[in-house]
Protein backbone atom coordinates (compact mmCIF):
# COMPACT_ATOMS: atom_id res chain seq x y z
CA UNK A 1 137.50 70.53 78.25
CA UNK A 2 139.84 72.61 80.05
CA UNK A 3 140.92 70.15 82.94
CA UNK A 4 139.29 72.26 84.94
CA UNK A 5 135.98 71.79 83.42
CA UNK A 6 136.55 67.99 83.21
CA UNK A 7 136.75 68.28 86.82
CA UNK A 8 133.70 70.03 87.33
CA UNK A 9 131.49 67.98 85.32
CA UNK A 10 132.96 64.58 87.10
CA UNK A 11 132.05 66.08 89.94
CA UNK A 12 128.36 66.78 89.33
CA UNK A 13 128.02 64.35 88.06
CA UNK A 14 129.42 61.86 91.26
CA UNK A 15 127.49 64.03 93.40
CA UNK A 16 123.95 62.90 91.63
CA UNK A 17 125.03 59.09 92.08
CA UNK A 18 125.62 59.85 95.74
CA UNK A 19 122.53 61.32 95.73
CA UNK A 20 121.14 58.72 94.32
CA UNK A 21 122.76 56.05 96.42
CA UNK A 22 122.13 57.71 99.66
CA UNK A 23 118.77 59.05 99.43
CA UNK A 24 117.12 56.36 97.15
CA UNK A 25 115.78 58.17 94.36
CA UNK A 26 117.45 60.32 91.78
CA UNK A 27 117.90 64.12 92.64
CA UNK A 28 114.74 66.17 92.01
CA UNK A 29 115.41 68.51 89.29
CA UNK A 30 117.31 69.09 85.82
CA UNK A 31 120.56 71.03 86.50
CA UNK A 32 122.84 73.14 84.45
CA UNK A 33 126.43 72.97 85.51
CA UNK A 34 128.01 76.35 84.19
CA UNK A 35 131.76 77.15 84.24
CA UNK A 36 133.19 80.55 84.02
CA UNK A 37 137.36 80.64 82.80
CA UNK A 38 137.95 82.74 85.90
CA UNK A 39 141.28 82.58 89.01
CA UNK A 40 138.44 84.23 91.29
CA UNK A 41 136.91 81.41 93.50
CA UNK A 42 133.07 81.98 93.57
CA UNK A 43 130.40 79.17 93.44
CA UNK A 44 127.04 79.64 93.78
CA UNK A 45 123.31 77.58 92.70
CA UNK A 46 120.57 79.53 91.55
CA UNK A 47 116.59 78.77 89.90
CA UNK A 48 116.55 79.35 86.01
CA UNK A 49 112.93 78.28 84.08
CA UNK A 50 114.49 74.82 83.20
CA UNK A 51 115.66 74.43 86.62
CA UNK A 52 118.78 74.49 89.12
CA UNK A 53 122.02 76.21 87.95
CA UNK A 54 125.01 75.81 89.25
CA UNK A 55 127.32 78.87 88.88
CA UNK A 56 131.38 77.89 88.86
CA UNK A 57 134.93 79.27 88.43
CA UNK A 58 137.74 77.47 86.84
CA UNK A 59 139.47 79.55 89.93
CA UNK A 60 137.60 77.50 92.35
CA UNK A 61 139.74 73.81 91.08
CA UNK A 62 142.77 75.61 91.08
CA UNK A 63 142.36 76.84 94.20
CA UNK A 64 141.38 73.52 95.48
CA UNK A 65 144.66 71.83 93.93
CA UNK A 66 146.74 74.58 95.51
CA UNK A 67 145.40 74.17 98.43
CA UNK A 68 145.89 70.24 98.44
CA UNK A 69 149.73 70.25 96.86
CA UNK A 70 150.78 72.83 99.47
CA UNK A 71 149.18 70.20 102.46
CA UNK A 72 150.46 67.25 101.31
CA UNK A 73 154.26 68.82 100.85
CA UNK A 74 154.09 70.63 104.14
CA UNK A 75 152.35 67.43 105.90
CA UNK A 76 155.25 64.81 104.57
CA UNK A 77 157.98 66.64 106.50
CA UNK A 78 155.43 65.69 109.31
CA UNK A 79 155.65 62.39 111.88
CA UNK A 80 154.41 59.63 110.21
CA UNK A 81 151.33 59.47 112.99
CA UNK A 82 150.68 63.48 112.25
CA UNK A 83 150.81 63.31 108.58
CA UNK A 84 147.40 63.78 105.96
CA UNK A 85 146.20 60.33 105.17
CA UNK A 86 145.10 59.43 101.21
CA UNK A 87 143.61 57.04 99.17
CA UNK A 88 144.74 56.31 96.13
CA UNK A 89 145.92 59.03 93.75
CA UNK A 90 146.51 62.51 95.20
CA UNK A 91 144.84 64.46 92.74
CA UNK A 92 141.96 62.07 94.24
CA UNK A 93 141.48 64.38 97.75
CA UNK A 94 141.07 67.38 94.82
CA UNK A 95 138.24 65.30 93.36
CA UNK A 96 136.78 64.55 96.61
CA UNK A 97 136.64 68.25 97.89
CA UNK A 98 134.95 69.37 94.56
CA UNK A 99 132.12 66.57 94.81
CA UNK A 100 130.75 67.57 98.64
CA UNK A 101 130.73 71.24 97.40
CA UNK A 102 128.43 70.45 94.27
CA UNK A 103 126.90 68.13 97.02
CA UNK A 104 126.50 70.74 99.01
CA UNK A 105 124.92 73.11 95.85
CA UNK A 106 122.81 70.04 95.27
CA UNK A 107 121.63 70.18 98.80
CA UNK A 108 120.09 74.04 98.17
CA UNK A 109 117.27 73.13 96.25
CA UNK A 110 116.74 69.88 97.90
CA UNK A 111 116.30 71.30 101.29
CA UNK A 112 113.35 74.00 99.85
CA UNK A 113 115.62 77.01 100.20
CA UNK A 114 114.48 78.37 96.69
CA UNK A 115 111.26 78.06 98.21
CA UNK A 116 112.33 80.72 100.59
CA UNK A 117 114.32 82.79 98.62
CA UNK A 118 111.33 83.10 95.84
CA UNK A 119 114.13 81.90 93.69
CA UNK A 120 117.16 83.93 94.74
CA UNK A 121 121.07 82.69 94.26
CA UNK A 122 122.47 81.84 97.21
CA UNK A 123 125.96 82.40 96.76
CA UNK A 124 129.14 79.90 98.25
CA UNK A 125 132.09 81.99 97.88
CA UNK A 126 133.40 85.20 95.67
CA UNK A 127 132.76 89.02 95.14
CA UNK A 128 128.77 89.76 95.23
CA UNK A 129 128.95 92.32 92.35
CA UNK A 130 127.82 90.23 90.39
CA UNK A 131 125.66 87.06 91.82
CA UNK A 132 123.14 87.48 94.13
CA UNK A 133 123.23 86.82 97.75
CA UNK A 134 120.19 85.40 99.56
CA UNK A 135 120.72 88.36 102.74
CA UNK A 136 120.43 90.96 99.77
CA UNK A 137 117.68 89.27 97.70
CA UNK A 138 113.79 91.39 98.08
CA UNK A 139 111.91 89.41 100.83
CA UNK A 140 108.56 90.81 99.21
CA UNK A 141 106.15 88.23 98.35
CA UNK A 142 108.60 85.36 99.86
CA UNK A 143 108.30 83.57 103.53
CA UNK A 144 110.85 85.51 104.29
CA UNK A 145 109.01 88.80 104.27
CA UNK A 146 108.00 87.60 107.92
CA UNK A 147 111.68 87.90 109.31
CA UNK A 148 112.63 90.77 110.85
CA UNK A 149 115.92 92.15 109.59
CA UNK A 150 118.31 91.02 111.76
CA UNK A 151 116.83 87.21 110.87
CA UNK A 152 117.50 87.86 107.37
CA UNK A 153 120.86 88.67 107.88
CA UNK A 154 121.00 85.88 109.78
CA UNK A 155 119.28 83.59 107.56
CA UNK A 156 121.78 82.88 104.61
CA UNK A 157 123.86 81.23 107.96
CA UNK A 158 121.23 79.20 108.41
CA UNK A 159 120.37 77.71 105.38
CA UNK A 160 124.05 76.92 104.68
CA UNK A 161 124.60 74.81 108.15
CA UNK A 162 120.94 72.93 106.75
CA UNK A 163 122.92 72.00 103.52
CA UNK A 164 126.68 71.31 105.44
CA UNK A 165 124.62 68.71 107.46
CA UNK A 166 122.97 66.98 104.64
CA UNK A 167 125.97 67.10 102.68
CA UNK A 168 127.71 65.82 104.72
CA UNK A 169 125.77 63.22 105.66
CA UNK A 170 125.48 62.10 102.04
CA UNK A 171 128.98 62.03 101.60
CA UNK A 172 130.22 60.07 105.00
CA UNK A 173 127.15 57.78 104.96
CA UNK A 174 126.37 55.34 107.71
CA UNK A 175 128.52 53.98 110.62
CA UNK A 176 130.66 50.78 110.29
CA UNK A 177 133.94 50.13 111.37
CA UNK A 178 135.47 49.07 108.46
CA UNK A 179 134.83 52.90 106.81
CA UNK A 180 136.96 54.62 109.89
CA UNK A 181 139.04 55.06 106.73
CA UNK A 182 137.12 56.38 104.32
CA UNK A 183 135.64 58.86 107.04
CA UNK A 184 138.58 59.97 108.28
CA UNK A 185 139.23 61.20 104.43
CA UNK A 186 136.07 62.24 103.84
CA UNK A 187 136.12 64.86 106.48
CA UNK A 188 139.51 66.16 105.77
CA UNK A 189 138.04 66.72 102.02
CA UNK A 190 135.19 68.49 103.73
CA UNK A 191 136.95 70.49 105.57
CA UNK A 192 139.74 72.00 102.85
CA UNK A 193 136.38 73.25 101.32
CA UNK A 194 135.36 75.35 104.70
CA UNK A 195 138.56 76.64 105.26
CA UNK A 196 139.28 77.35 101.82
CA UNK A 197 135.48 79.59 101.97
CA UNK A 198 136.44 81.11 105.41
CA UNK A 199 139.72 82.62 103.62
CA UNK A 200 137.27 84.14 101.03
CA UNK A 201 134.77 85.45 103.57
CA UNK A 202 137.89 87.25 105.92
CA UNK A 203 139.13 88.84 102.41
CA UNK A 204 136.08 90.98 102.19
CA UNK A 205 136.83 92.40 106.13
CA UNK A 206 133.01 90.06 107.62
CA UNK A 207 131.31 92.93 105.20
CA UNK A 208 127.44 90.80 103.86
CA UNK A 209 128.99 87.35 104.76
CA UNK A 210 127.11 84.20 104.14
CA UNK A 211 128.45 81.44 105.62
CA UNK A 212 128.79 80.98 109.38
CA UNK A 213 132.31 80.99 111.36
CA UNK A 214 134.96 78.24 109.64
CA UNK A 215 134.90 77.62 113.75
CA UNK A 216 131.74 76.69 113.25
CA UNK A 217 130.87 74.73 110.51
CA UNK A 218 134.35 72.27 111.69
CA UNK A 219 132.36 72.11 115.13
CA UNK A 220 129.13 70.46 113.42
CA UNK A 221 131.73 68.98 111.24
CA UNK A 222 133.14 67.40 113.81
CA UNK A 223 130.22 66.79 116.16
CA UNK A 224 128.68 64.53 113.39
CA UNK A 225 131.64 62.68 113.96
CA UNK A 226 131.66 62.17 116.57
CA UNK A 227 128.12 61.28 116.91
CA UNK A 228 128.04 58.78 114.06
CA UNK A 229 128.64 55.49 116.24
CA UNK A 230 125.75 55.72 117.93
CA UNK A 231 123.00 56.69 115.09
CA UNK A 232 121.82 53.37 113.82
CA UNK A 233 121.67 53.02 117.68
CA UNK A 234 119.40 55.76 117.85
CA UNK A 235 117.20 54.24 114.66
CA UNK A 236 116.83 51.54 115.59
CA UNK A 237 115.46 52.42 118.97
CA UNK A 238 113.35 54.57 117.37
CA UNK A 239 111.92 52.28 114.69
CA UNK A 240 111.50 49.59 117.44
CA UNK A 241 109.37 51.95 118.95
CA UNK A 242 111.69 52.24 122.23
CA UNK A 243 111.56 55.08 125.35
CA UNK A 244 115.31 54.48 125.72
CA UNK A 245 117.93 52.80 123.73
CA UNK A 246 119.61 49.73 125.19
CA UNK A 247 123.29 50.04 125.98
CA UNK A 248 123.76 47.43 123.84
CA UNK A 249 122.96 48.37 121.18
CA UNK A 250 125.74 51.44 120.46
CA UNK A 251 129.27 49.51 120.36
CA UNK A 252 131.68 48.86 122.48
CA UNK A 253 133.07 52.16 124.62
CA UNK A 254 136.24 51.08 124.04
CA UNK A 255 135.35 50.96 119.98
CA UNK A 256 134.37 54.62 121.03
CA UNK A 257 137.69 55.56 121.85
CA UNK A 258 139.79 54.13 119.26
CA UNK A 259 137.14 55.65 116.95
CA UNK A 260 137.18 59.14 118.31
CA UNK A 261 141.50 58.92 118.75
CA UNK A 262 142.05 57.23 114.84
CA UNK A 263 139.19 59.64 113.13
CA UNK A 264 137.91 62.50 114.55
CA UNK A 265 141.07 63.66 116.42
CA UNK A 266 142.73 63.41 113.24
CA UNK A 267 140.70 65.40 111.46
CA UNK A 268 141.00 67.83 114.06
CA UNK A 269 144.54 67.82 113.69
CA UNK A 270 144.72 67.74 110.52
CA UNK A 271 142.88 71.51 110.75
CA UNK A 272 146.45 73.07 111.72
CA UNK A 273 147.78 71.66 108.46
CA UNK A 274 145.38 73.74 106.02
CA UNK A 275 145.00 76.17 108.53
CA UNK A 276 148.70 77.35 107.70
CA UNK A 277 148.44 76.60 104.02
CA UNK A 278 145.51 79.03 103.80
CA UNK A 279 146.32 81.33 105.34
CA UNK A 280 143.56 81.04 108.68
CA UNK A 281 145.41 83.26 111.21
CA UNK A 282 144.54 81.33 114.99
CA UNK A 283 142.25 78.70 113.77
CA UNK A 284 143.04 76.61 116.74
CA UNK A 285 142.05 79.48 119.10
CA UNK A 286 139.13 80.11 116.88
CA UNK A 287 137.73 76.21 117.59
CA UNK A 288 138.62 76.84 121.75
CA UNK A 289 140.69 74.33 121.36
CA UNK A 290 140.94 70.40 121.60
CA UNK A 291 139.07 69.89 125.88
CA UNK A 292 136.56 73.10 124.90
CA UNK A 293 135.55 71.80 121.34
CA UNK A 294 134.37 68.22 122.63
CA UNK A 295 132.89 69.48 125.54
CA UNK A 296 130.79 71.46 123.73
CA UNK A 297 130.43 68.46 121.57
CA UNK A 298 129.18 66.58 124.35
CA UNK A 299 126.59 69.71 125.80
CA UNK A 300 125.05 69.61 121.94
CA UNK A 301 124.48 65.90 121.64
CA UNK A 302 123.15 65.51 124.99
CA UNK A 303 120.98 68.41 124.35
CA UNK A 304 122.34 71.18 126.36
CA UNK A 305 121.18 74.27 124.43
CA UNK A 306 118.89 76.35 125.75
CA UNK A 307 121.19 79.27 126.64
CA UNK A 308 124.31 79.90 124.13
CA UNK A 309 126.37 81.82 126.57
CA UNK A 310 127.14 78.18 128.52
CA UNK A 311 129.00 76.82 125.17
CA UNK A 312 132.56 77.72 125.77
CA UNK A 313 133.41 78.27 122.00
CA UNK A 314 133.53 80.49 119.14
CA UNK A 315 131.44 78.01 117.08
CA UNK A 316 129.79 76.73 119.41
CA UNK A 317 127.76 79.74 120.19
CA UNK A 318 127.45 80.31 117.06
CA UNK A 319 125.32 77.56 116.24
CA UNK A 320 123.50 77.61 119.52
CA UNK A 321 122.86 81.21 118.56
CA UNK A 322 121.58 80.55 115.49
CA UNK A 323 119.50 77.38 116.34
CA UNK A 324 116.75 78.90 117.58
CA UNK A 325 115.66 80.70 113.77
CA UNK A 326 117.03 77.17 111.76
CA UNK A 327 114.51 75.58 113.35
CA UNK A 328 112.07 78.26 112.24
CA UNK A 329 113.65 78.55 108.67
CA UNK A 330 113.15 74.53 108.65
CA UNK A 331 109.22 74.93 109.89
CA UNK A 332 108.48 77.58 106.93
CA UNK A 333 110.41 75.32 104.40
CA UNK A 334 108.65 71.67 105.59
CA UNK A 335 105.01 74.08 105.38
CA UNK A 336 106.05 74.94 101.37
CA UNK A 337 108.12 72.08 99.65
CA UNK A 338 110.10 71.99 96.98
CA UNK A 339 109.52 75.35 93.99
CA UNK A 340 107.53 73.68 91.28
């Protein structure tokens, strides 16, 4: 096997292990990995008679590897506090990015998305001339037949946000002060895949877009990081049947501030290194800057989401616009369950 094949198969195996570890049960379907020799960057997941099929090009490995190499080279010339942090061998960064991509593919099935699409493939990146898109799938005899044409075009974006959320949750795991370095590292590896896919989407002139904007996906990623320290307290209060959360259930305020400075803000800062390397112009403007982005994250956390125009940043606005349809799709999935 080539190096690309070895790395892709290793990434899938690691994604299975992480799923089992985090969810507490094995992945609920057989999965076949089909590796295509191609310089192009594409990946898709689909259903077959014998289970789930993940198609990935060798170009995915090469592109992620090239981006990481260029980013680390650029990072080395920056002040120490602005550099990208590594854990172990630099090549591990590529493997972690691949693992999240594989986790993402697996979660399309685990989240019940093929019950909605009638088995139509879900494209992560690349040309759709050979690979089907859920937005192009004929909705007849599937739950998607209930959607309007506009909703059908937006449905793939919602499914991607759902899978982003669950895959990131699985990869990051639960909050612990001892894991700040890991959270920062994993989130950066996730961000790389998101930004590469954004570049692929833009190269198609925005036609047949299958993913939300990178600004929207990073709004969710950073929002998850911001919320992470609060989740144990929320779960504890829910388990105890409390109507409100006692203040002492949360980490100390000083710890929260250090966490946001050392983890969340540094992940956001690293986005500019990768945007420059990948060639994403004006990503910082799309994100809305530091203050606007974090104001919108706080607004989302307290539930002020009824009017998307109340948000200041492009990504948060798209997230809020998609939320009603996203909630509807989640309800549809719950009533159907996983495909047999």
